[in-house]
Amino acid sequence: MSSLILTRIFLATAALFGGLSVAGGAFASHALKDKLSDRSLEIFETGARYQMYHALALLLVALILSRAEASQTFLAVSGWAFIVGTVIFSGSLYALSLTNIKLLGAITPLGGVAYLIGWGCLAIAAWNFK
């Protein structure tokens, strides 16, 4: 996949994740405040917070990728890992807080692993950046 297409995908996804994080945080603090336990609300807010952190990280990956002169495989892997991590990590926390299905908490660490892969690949890409 070309760098231009990846840059567009990562920028658009970063914007979508960032906007949804703001909307989710507002939804939790207003509409869900009286419907969820304090612990469930805290879990939901953790999902929104990590979603925003990684929307910004994905934005950074897209901006670096847009400036790259050579093939940036590690940047591409980093961006995809941040996307997968957000869907699994934040998504499972949202679902856990809304449904109280404890099994969903077992899925969350897989998203955390994806985040770690993303950060590791970003570090390698930074070291190899030309």
C-alpha atoms as a PDB file:
ATOM      1  CA  MET A   1       0.000   0.000   0.000  1.00  0.00           C
ATOM      2  CA  SER A   2       1.394   3.419  -0.885  1.00  0.00           C
ATOM      3  CA  SER A   3       2.496   5.913   1.751  1.00  0.00           C
ATOM      4  CA  LEU A   4      -0.088   8.421   0.520  1.00  0.00           C
ATOM      5  CA  ILE A   5      -2.964   5.979   0.969  1.00  0.00           C
ATOM      6  CA  LEU A   6      -1.696   4.918   4.409  1.00  0.00           C
ATOM      7  CA  THR A   7      -1.296   8.554   5.423  1.00  0.00           C
ATOM      8  CA  ARG A   8      -4.898   9.264   4.427  1.00  0.00           C
ATOM      9  CA  ILE A   9      -6.198   6.178   6.246  1.00  0.00           C
ATOM     10  CA  PHE A  10      -4.231   6.994   9.391  1.00  0.00           C
ATOM     11  CA  LEU A  11      -5.199  10.700   9.377  1.00  0.00           C
ATOM     12  CA  ALA A  12      -8.882   9.942   8.843  1.00  0.00           C
ATOM     13  CA  THR A  13      -8.895   7.204  11.473  1.00  0.00           C
ATOM     14  CA  ALA A  14      -7.045   9.438  13.958  1.00  0.00           C
ATOM     15  CA  ALA A  15      -9.655  12.158  13.445  1.00  0.00           C
ATOM     16  CA  LEU A  16     -12.506   9.661  13.810  1.00  0.00           C
ATOM     17  CA  PHE A  17     -11.020   8.093  16.955  1.00  0.00           C
ATOM     18  CA  GLY A  18     -10.297  11.517  18.462  1.00  0.00           C
ATOM     19  CA  GLY A  19     -13.808  12.788  17.818  1.00  0.00           C
ATOM     20  CA  LEU A  20     -15.407   9.607  19.110  1.00  0.00           C
ATOM     21  CA  SER A  21     -13.246   9.801  22.223  1.00  0.00           C
ATOM     22  CA  VAL A  22     -14.527  13.296  22.988  1.00  0.00           C
ATOM     23  CA  ALA A  23     -18.111  12.238  22.285  1.00  0.00           C
ATOM     24  CA  GLY A  24     -17.724   9.083  24.395  1.00  0.00           C
ATOM     25  CA  GLY A  25     -16.240  10.991  27.311  1.00  0.00           C
ATOM     26  CA  ALA A  26     -19.056  13.526  27.211  1.00  0.00           C
ATOM     27  CA  PHE A  27     -21.644  10.766  26.894  1.00  0.00           C
ATOM     28  CA  ALA A  28     -20.204   8.975  29.913  1.00  0.00           C
ATOM     29  CA  SER A  29     -20.045  12.048  32.108  1.00  0.00           C
ATOM     30  CA  HIS A  30     -23.561  13.200  31.267  1.00  0.00           C
ATOM     31  CA  ALA A  31     -25.836  10.431  30.010  1.00  0.00           C
ATOM     32  CA  LEU A  32     -24.249   7.496  31.825  1.00  0.00           C
ATOM     33  CA  LYS A  33     -23.381   9.201  35.105  1.00  0.00           C
ATOM     34  CA  ASP A  34     -26.542   8.077  36.872  1.00  0.00           C
ATOM     35  CA  LYS A  35     -26.868   4.744  35.047  1.00  0.00           C
ATOM     36  CA  LEU A  36     -23.458   3.154  35.717  1.00  0.00           C
ATOM     37  CA  SER A  37     -21.618   2.370  38.907  1.00  0.00           C
ATOM     38  CA  ASP A  38     -18.590   4.502  39.727  1.00  0.00           C
ATOM     39  CA  ARG A  39     -16.324   1.596  38.755  1.00  0.00           C
ATOM     40  CA  SER A  40     -18.063   1.086  35.391  1.00  0.00           C
ATOM     41  CA  LEU A  41     -17.848   4.808  34.705  1.00  0.00           C
ATOM     42  CA  GLU A  42     -14.128   4.737  35.532  1.00  0.00           C
ATOM     43  CA  ILE A  43     -13.627   1.818  33.114  1.00  0.00           C
ATOM     44  CA  PHE A  44     -15.493   3.676  30.356  1.00  0.00           C
ATOM     45  CA  GLU A  45     -13.425   6.814  30.925  1.00  0.00           C
ATOM     46  CA  THR A  46     -10.196   4.780  30.790  1.00  0.00           C
ATOM     47  CA  GLY A  47     -11.263   3.514  27.371  1.00  0.00           C
ATOM     48  CA  ALA A  48     -11.943   7.061  26.170  1.00  0.00           C
ATOM     49  CA  ARG A  49      -8.640   8.354  27.558  1.00  0.00           C
ATOM     50  CA  TYR A  50      -6.549   5.637  25.884  1.00  0.00           C
ATOM     51  CA  GLN A  51      -8.510   6.096  22.671  1.00  0.00           C
ATOM     52  CA  MET A  52      -7.549   9.785  22.635  1.00  0.00           C
ATOM     53  CA  TYR A  53      -3.898   9.074  23.457  1.00  0.00           C
ATOM     54  CA  HIS A  54      -3.685   6.675  20.562  1.00  0.00           C
ATOM     55  CA  ALA A  55      -5.656   8.892  18.181  1.00  0.00           C
ATOM     56  CA  LEU A  56      -2.901  11.457  18.761  1.00  0.00           C
ATOM     57  CA  ALA A  57      -0.225   8.783  18.330  1.00  0.00           C
ATOM     58  CA  LEU A  58      -1.841   7.698  15.061  1.00  0.00           C
ATOM     59  CA  LEU A  59      -1.909  11.326  13.941  1.00  0.00           C
ATOM     60  CA  LEU A  60       1.823  11.526  14.652  1.00  0.00           C
ATOM     61  CA  VAL A  61       2.458   8.350  12.655  1.00  0.00           C
ATOM     62  CA  ALA A  62       0.491   9.765   9.712  1.00  0.00           C
ATOM     63  CA  LEU A  63       2.385  13.056   9.781  1.00  0.00           C
ATOM     64  CA  ILE A  64       5.768  11.327   9.941  1.00  0.00           C
ATOM     65  CA  LEU A  65       4.712   8.941   7.181  1.00  0.00           C
ATOM     66  CA  SER A  66       3.712  11.890   4.982  1.00  0.00           C
ATOM     67  CA  ARG A  67       7.299  13.201   5.245  1.00  0.00           C
ATOM     68  CA  ALA A  68       9.055   9.872   4.758  1.00  0.00           C
ATOM     69  CA  GLU A  69      11.196   9.568   1.666  1.00  0.00           C
ATOM     70  CA  ALA A  70      11.814   5.830   1.826  1.00  0.00           C
ATOM     71  CA  SER A  71       9.601   2.857   2.563  1.00  0.00           C
ATOM     72  CA  GLN A  72       8.472   3.008   6.175  1.00  0.00           C
ATOM     73  CA  THR A  73       7.271  -0.476   7.005  1.00  0.00           C
ATOM     74  CA  PHE A  74       7.638   0.057  10.740  1.00  0.00           C
ATOM     75  CA  LEU A  75       5.518   3.218  10.578  1.00  0.00           C
ATOM     76  CA  ALA A  76       2.824   1.307   8.721  1.00  0.00           C
ATOM     77  CA  VAL A  77       2.866  -1.496  11.294  1.00  0.00           C
ATOM     78  CA  SER A  78       2.795   1.081  14.086  1.00  0.00           C
ATOM     79  CA  GLY A  79      -0.276   2.792  12.638  1.00  0.00           C
ATOM     80  CA  TRP A  80      -2.172  -0.448  12.133  1.00  0.00           C
ATOM     81  CA  ALA A  81      -1.212  -1.621  15.630  1.00  0.00           C
ATOM     82  CA  PHE A  82      -2.601   1.609  17.125  1.00  0.00           C
ATOM     83  CA  ILE A  83      -5.857   1.090  15.219  1.00  0.00           C
ATOM     84  CA  VAL A  84      -6.194  -2.554  16.264  1.00  0.00           C
ATOM     85  CA  GLY A  85      -5.192  -1.678  19.820  1.00  0.00           C
ATOM     86  CA  THR A  86      -7.834   1.023  20.053  1.00  0.00           C
ATOM     87  CA  VAL A  87     -10.598  -1.204  18.722  1.00  0.00           C
ATOM     88  CA  ILE A  88      -9.700  -4.049  21.090  1.00  0.00           C
ATOM     89  CA  PHE A  89      -8.543  -2.132  24.181  1.00  0.00           C
ATOM     90  CA  SER A  90     -11.009   0.740  24.258  1.00  0.00           C
ATOM     91  CA  GLY A  91     -13.786  -1.259  22.618  1.00  0.00           C
ATOM     92  CA  SER A  92     -13.588  -4.019  25.209  1.00  0.00           C
ATOM     93  CA  LEU A  93     -13.550  -1.467  28.045  1.00  0.00           C
ATOM     94  CA  TYR A  94     -16.629   0.274  26.633  1.00  0.00           C
ATOM     95  CA  ALA A  95     -18.439  -3.038  26.278  1.00  0.00           C
ATOM     96  CA  LEU A  96     -17.343  -4.193  29.745  1.00  0.00           C
ATOM     97  CA  SER A  97     -18.574  -1.006  31.404  1.00  0.00           C
ATOM     98  CA  LEU A  98     -21.931  -1.082  29.605  1.00  0.00           C
ATOM     99  CA  THR A  99     -22.676  -4.809  29.913  1.00  0.00           C
ATOM    100  CA  ASN A 100     -20.714  -5.876  33.006  1.00  0.00           C
ATOM    101  CA  ILE A 101     -19.700  -9.075  31.160  1.00  0.00           C
ATOM    102  CA  LYS A 102     -16.457  -9.844  32.985  1.00  0.00           C
ATOM    103  CA  LEU A 103     -15.077 -11.999  30.146  1.00  0.00           C
ATOM    104  CA  LEU A 104     -14.585  -8.819  28.112  1.00  0.00           C
ATOM    105  CA  GLY A 105     -11.924  -7.746  30.597  1.00  0.00           C
ATOM    106  CA  ALA A 106      -9.832 -10.716  29.469  1.00  0.00           C
ATOM    107  CA  ILE A 107      -9.726  -9.333  25.926  1.00  0.00           C
ATOM    108  CA  THR A 108      -8.461  -5.898  26.949  1.00  0.00           C
ATOM    109  CA  PRO A 109      -4.795  -6.921  27.393  1.00  0.00           C
ATOM    110  CA  LEU A 110      -4.678  -8.004  23.738  1.00  0.00           C
ATOM    111  CA  GLY A 111      -5.345  -4.399  22.827  1.00  0.00           C
ATOM    112  CA  GLY A 112      -2.600  -3.363  25.230  1.00  0.00           C
ATOM    113  CA  VAL A 113      -0.186  -5.701  23.441  1.00  0.00           C
ATOM    114  CA  ALA A 114      -1.149  -4.112  20.127  1.00  0.00           C
ATOM    115  CA  TYR A 115      -0.446  -0.676  21.636  1.00  0.00           C
ATOM    116  CA  LEU A 116       2.987  -1.863  22.797  1.00  0.00           C
ATOM    117  CA  ILE A 117       3.744  -3.220  19.340  1.00  0.00           C
ATOM    118  CA  GLY A 118       2.728   0.139  17.882  1.00  0.00           C
ATOM    119  CA  TRP A 119       5.013   2.080  20.215  1.00  0.00           C
ATOM    120  CA  GLY A 120       7.883  -0.345  19.633  1.00  0.00           C
ATOM    121  CA  CYS A 121       7.540  -0.078  15.857  1.00  0.00           C
ATOM    122  CA  LEU A 122       7.357   3.707  16.126  1.00  0.00           C
ATOM    123  CA  ALA A 123      10.636   3.669  18.069  1.00  0.00           C
ATOM    124  CA  ILE A 124      12.285   1.490  15.423  1.00  0.00           C
ATOM    125  CA  ALA A 125      10.919   3.715  12.654  1.00  0.00           C
ATOM    126  CA  ALA A 126      12.311   6.781  14.426  1.00  0.00           C
ATOM    127  CA  TRP A 127      15.722   5.173  14.686  1.00  0.00           C
ATOM    128  CA  ASN A 128      15.676   4.231  10.979  1.00  0.00           C
ATOM    129  CA  PHE A 129      14.100   7.481   9.728  1.00  0.00           C
ATOM    130  CA  LYS A 130      15.813   9.023   6.701  1.00  0.00           C
END
